[in-house]
Amino acid sequence: MIIANFLKQLGKDNSGATAIEYGLIVSLIVIAIIGALNSFAAESIQMWGMVTNGYQEATQG
């Protein structure tokens, strides 16, 4: 609902500068999200690697 209201207000806005500012803010938020997801992915890959190694050691020994 909040995003829908935001997009409606953005669509009604006649000020080009405000639309550009909103675009810049949204792009910075997207960059932050991508960075966070990239960090999360690296941690997840490392964790699953440890799980795989533990499983292999347990089944071989």
N, C-alpha and C. Protein backbone atom coordinates (compact mmCIF):
# COMPACT_ATOMS: atom_id res chain seq x y z
N MET A 1 0.82 -1.20 0.00
CA MET A 1 0.00 0.00 0.00
C MET A 1 0.86 1.26 0.00
N ILE A 2 1.91 1.28 0.79
CA ILE A 2 2.74 2.47 0.88
C ILE A 2 3.42 2.72 -0.47
N ILE A 3 3.92 1.67 -1.10
CA ILE A 3 4.59 1.83 -2.38
C ILE A 3 3.59 2.30 -3.44
N ALA A 4 2.39 1.76 -3.41
CA ALA A 4 1.38 2.17 -4.38
C ALA A 4 1.04 3.65 -4.22
N ASN A 5 0.89 4.09 -2.97
CA ASN A 5 0.61 5.51 -2.73
C ASN A 5 1.77 6.38 -3.19
N PHE A 6 3.00 5.91 -2.92
CA PHE A 6 4.18 6.65 -3.34
C PHE A 6 4.22 6.79 -4.86
N LEU A 7 3.94 5.70 -5.56
CA LEU A 7 3.96 5.75 -7.02
C LEU A 7 2.85 6.64 -7.58
N LYS A 8 1.69 6.66 -6.92
CA LYS A 8 0.62 7.54 -7.36
C LYS A 8 1.02 9.00 -7.20
N GLN A 9 1.62 9.32 -6.05
CA GLN A 9 2.07 10.69 -5.82
C GLN A 9 3.16 11.07 -6.80
N LEU A 10 4.06 10.15 -7.07
CA LEU A 10 5.15 10.41 -8.01
C LEU A 10 4.60 10.65 -9.41
N GLY A 11 3.58 9.90 -9.78
CA GLY A 11 2.96 10.08 -11.09
C GLY A 11 2.24 11.41 -11.23
N LYS A 12 1.68 11.92 -10.16
CA LYS A 12 0.96 13.20 -10.20
C LYS A 12 1.90 14.39 -10.10
N ASP A 13 3.14 14.15 -9.70
CA ASP A 13 4.10 15.22 -9.50
C ASP A 13 4.52 15.82 -10.84
N ASN A 14 4.40 17.13 -10.95
CA ASN A 14 4.77 17.82 -12.19
C ASN A 14 6.19 18.37 -12.14
N SER A 15 6.83 18.26 -11.03
CA SER A 15 8.16 18.81 -10.86
C SER A 15 9.20 17.79 -11.30
N GLY A 16 9.96 18.12 -12.34
CA GLY A 16 10.97 17.21 -12.85
C GLY A 16 12.10 16.99 -11.86
N ALA A 17 12.48 18.04 -11.14
CA ALA A 17 13.58 17.91 -10.18
C ALA A 17 13.23 16.93 -9.07
N THR A 18 12.01 16.96 -8.61
CA THR A 18 11.59 16.05 -7.55
C THR A 18 11.61 14.62 -8.05
N ALA A 19 11.18 14.40 -9.27
CA ALA A 19 11.19 13.05 -9.82
C ALA A 19 12.62 12.54 -9.94
N ILE A 20 13.54 13.41 -10.35
CA ILE A 20 14.94 13.00 -10.44
C ILE A 20 15.49 12.68 -9.07
N GLU A 21 15.16 13.48 -8.08
CA GLU A 21 15.62 13.22 -6.71
C GLU A 21 15.09 11.88 -6.21
N TYR A 22 13.83 11.61 -6.46
CA TYR A 22 13.26 10.32 -6.06
C TYR A 22 13.97 9.18 -6.78
N GLY A 23 14.27 9.37 -8.05
CA GLY A 23 14.98 8.35 -8.80
C GLY A 23 16.36 8.08 -8.21
N LEU A 24 17.05 9.12 -7.81
CA LEU A 24 18.37 8.96 -7.20
C LEU A 24 18.27 8.24 -5.85
N ILE A 25 17.27 8.61 -5.07
CA ILE A 25 17.09 7.96 -3.77
C ILE A 25 16.79 6.47 -3.96
N VAL A 26 15.90 6.16 -4.89
CA VAL A 26 15.55 4.76 -5.16
C VAL A 26 16.78 3.99 -5.65
N SER A 27 17.59 4.61 -6.51
CA SER A 27 18.77 3.92 -7.00
C SER A 27 19.77 3.65 -5.88
N LEU A 28 19.92 4.57 -4.93
CA LEU A 28 20.81 4.33 -3.79
C LEU A 28 20.28 3.20 -2.91
N ILE A 29 18.98 3.15 -2.73
CA ILE A 29 18.39 2.07 -1.94
C ILE A 29 18.62 0.73 -2.63
N VAL A 30 18.46 0.69 -3.94
CA VAL A 30 18.68 -0.56 -4.69
C VAL A 30 20.13 -0.99 -4.58
N ILE A 31 21.06 -0.06 -4.67
CA ILE A 31 22.48 -0.39 -4.54
C ILE A 31 22.76 -0.97 -3.16
N ALA A 32 22.16 -0.39 -2.12
CA ALA A 32 22.35 -0.90 -0.76
C ALA A 32 21.77 -2.31 -0.62
N ILE A 33 20.62 -2.55 -1.21
CA ILE A 33 20.00 -3.88 -1.15
C ILE A 33 20.88 -4.90 -1.86
N ILE A 34 21.40 -4.54 -3.03
CA ILE A 34 22.26 -5.46 -3.77
C ILE A 34 23.51 -5.79 -2.97
N GLY A 35 24.10 -4.78 -2.33
CA GLY A 35 25.27 -5.02 -1.49
C GLY A 35 24.97 -5.95 -0.33
N ALA A 36 23.82 -5.74 0.31
CA ALA A 36 23.44 -6.59 1.44
C ALA A 36 23.19 -8.02 0.98
N LEU A 37 22.51 -8.19 -0.14
CA LEU A 37 22.24 -9.53 -0.65
C LEU A 37 23.53 -10.23 -1.07
N ASN A 38 24.45 -9.49 -1.64
CA ASN A 38 25.73 -10.06 -2.04
C ASN A 38 26.48 -10.56 -0.81
N SER A 39 26.48 -9.79 0.25
CA SER A 39 27.13 -10.20 1.50
C SER A 39 26.45 -11.44 2.08
N PHE A 40 25.12 -11.44 2.06
CA PHE A 40 24.36 -12.58 2.56
C PHE A 40 24.66 -13.83 1.75
N ALA A 41 24.76 -13.67 0.44
CA ALA A 41 25.04 -14.82 -0.43
C ALA A 41 26.40 -15.41 -0.12
N ALA A 42 27.39 -14.55 0.09
CA ALA A 42 28.73 -15.04 0.40
C ALA A 42 28.74 -15.82 1.72
N GLU A 43 28.05 -15.32 2.72
CA GLU A 43 27.96 -16.02 4.00
C GLU A 43 27.22 -17.34 3.86
N SER A 44 26.17 -17.35 3.06
CA SER A 44 25.39 -18.56 2.86
C SER A 44 26.21 -19.63 2.14
N ILE A 45 26.96 -19.22 1.12
CA ILE A 45 27.81 -20.17 0.39
C ILE A 45 28.84 -20.77 1.33
N GLN A 46 29.43 -19.93 2.16
CA GLN A 46 30.44 -20.43 3.12
C GLN A 46 29.80 -21.42 4.10
N MET A 47 28.62 -21.11 4.61
CA MET A 47 27.95 -21.98 5.56
C MET A 47 27.64 -23.34 4.92
N TRP A 48 27.10 -23.33 3.69
CA TRP A 48 26.76 -24.59 3.03
C TRP A 48 28.01 -25.39 2.68
N GLY A 49 29.11 -24.71 2.43
CA GLY A 49 30.37 -25.41 2.23
C GLY A 49 30.81 -26.15 3.49
N MET A 50 30.63 -25.51 4.65
CA MET A 50 30.97 -26.17 5.91
C MET A 50 30.05 -27.35 6.16
N VAL A 51 28.78 -27.21 5.83
CA VAL A 51 27.82 -28.31 6.01
C VAL A 51 28.21 -29.48 5.11
N THR A 52 28.57 -29.19 3.87
CA THR A 52 28.98 -30.24 2.94
C THR A 52 30.23 -30.96 3.44
N ASN A 53 31.21 -30.20 3.88
CA ASN A 53 32.45 -30.82 4.40
C ASN A 53 32.16 -31.68 5.63
N GLY A 54 31.31 -31.20 6.53
CA GLY A 54 30.95 -31.96 7.71
C GLY A 54 30.24 -33.24 7.34
N TYR A 55 29.34 -33.17 6.36
CA TYR A 55 28.61 -34.36 5.91
C TYR A 55 29.58 -35.38 5.30
N GLN A 56 30.48 -34.90 4.48
CA GLN A 56 31.44 -35.80 3.84
C GLN A 56 32.36 -36.46 4.87
N GLU A 57 32.79 -35.70 5.85
CA GLU A 57 33.65 -36.29 6.90
C GLU A 57 32.87 -37.31 7.71
N ALA A 58 31.60 -37.03 8.00
CA ALA A 58 30.80 -37.94 8.81
C ALA A 58 30.49 -39.23 8.07
N THR A 59 30.27 -39.15 6.78
CA THR A 59 29.90 -40.35 6.04
C THR A 59 31.12 -41.17 5.61
N GLN A 60 32.28 -40.56 5.57
CA GLN A 60 33.47 -41.29 5.17
C GLN A 60 34.21 -41.89 6.36
N GLY A 61 34.03 -41.34 7.52
CA GLY A 61 34.85 -41.77 8.66
C GLY A 61 34.12 -42.65 9.58
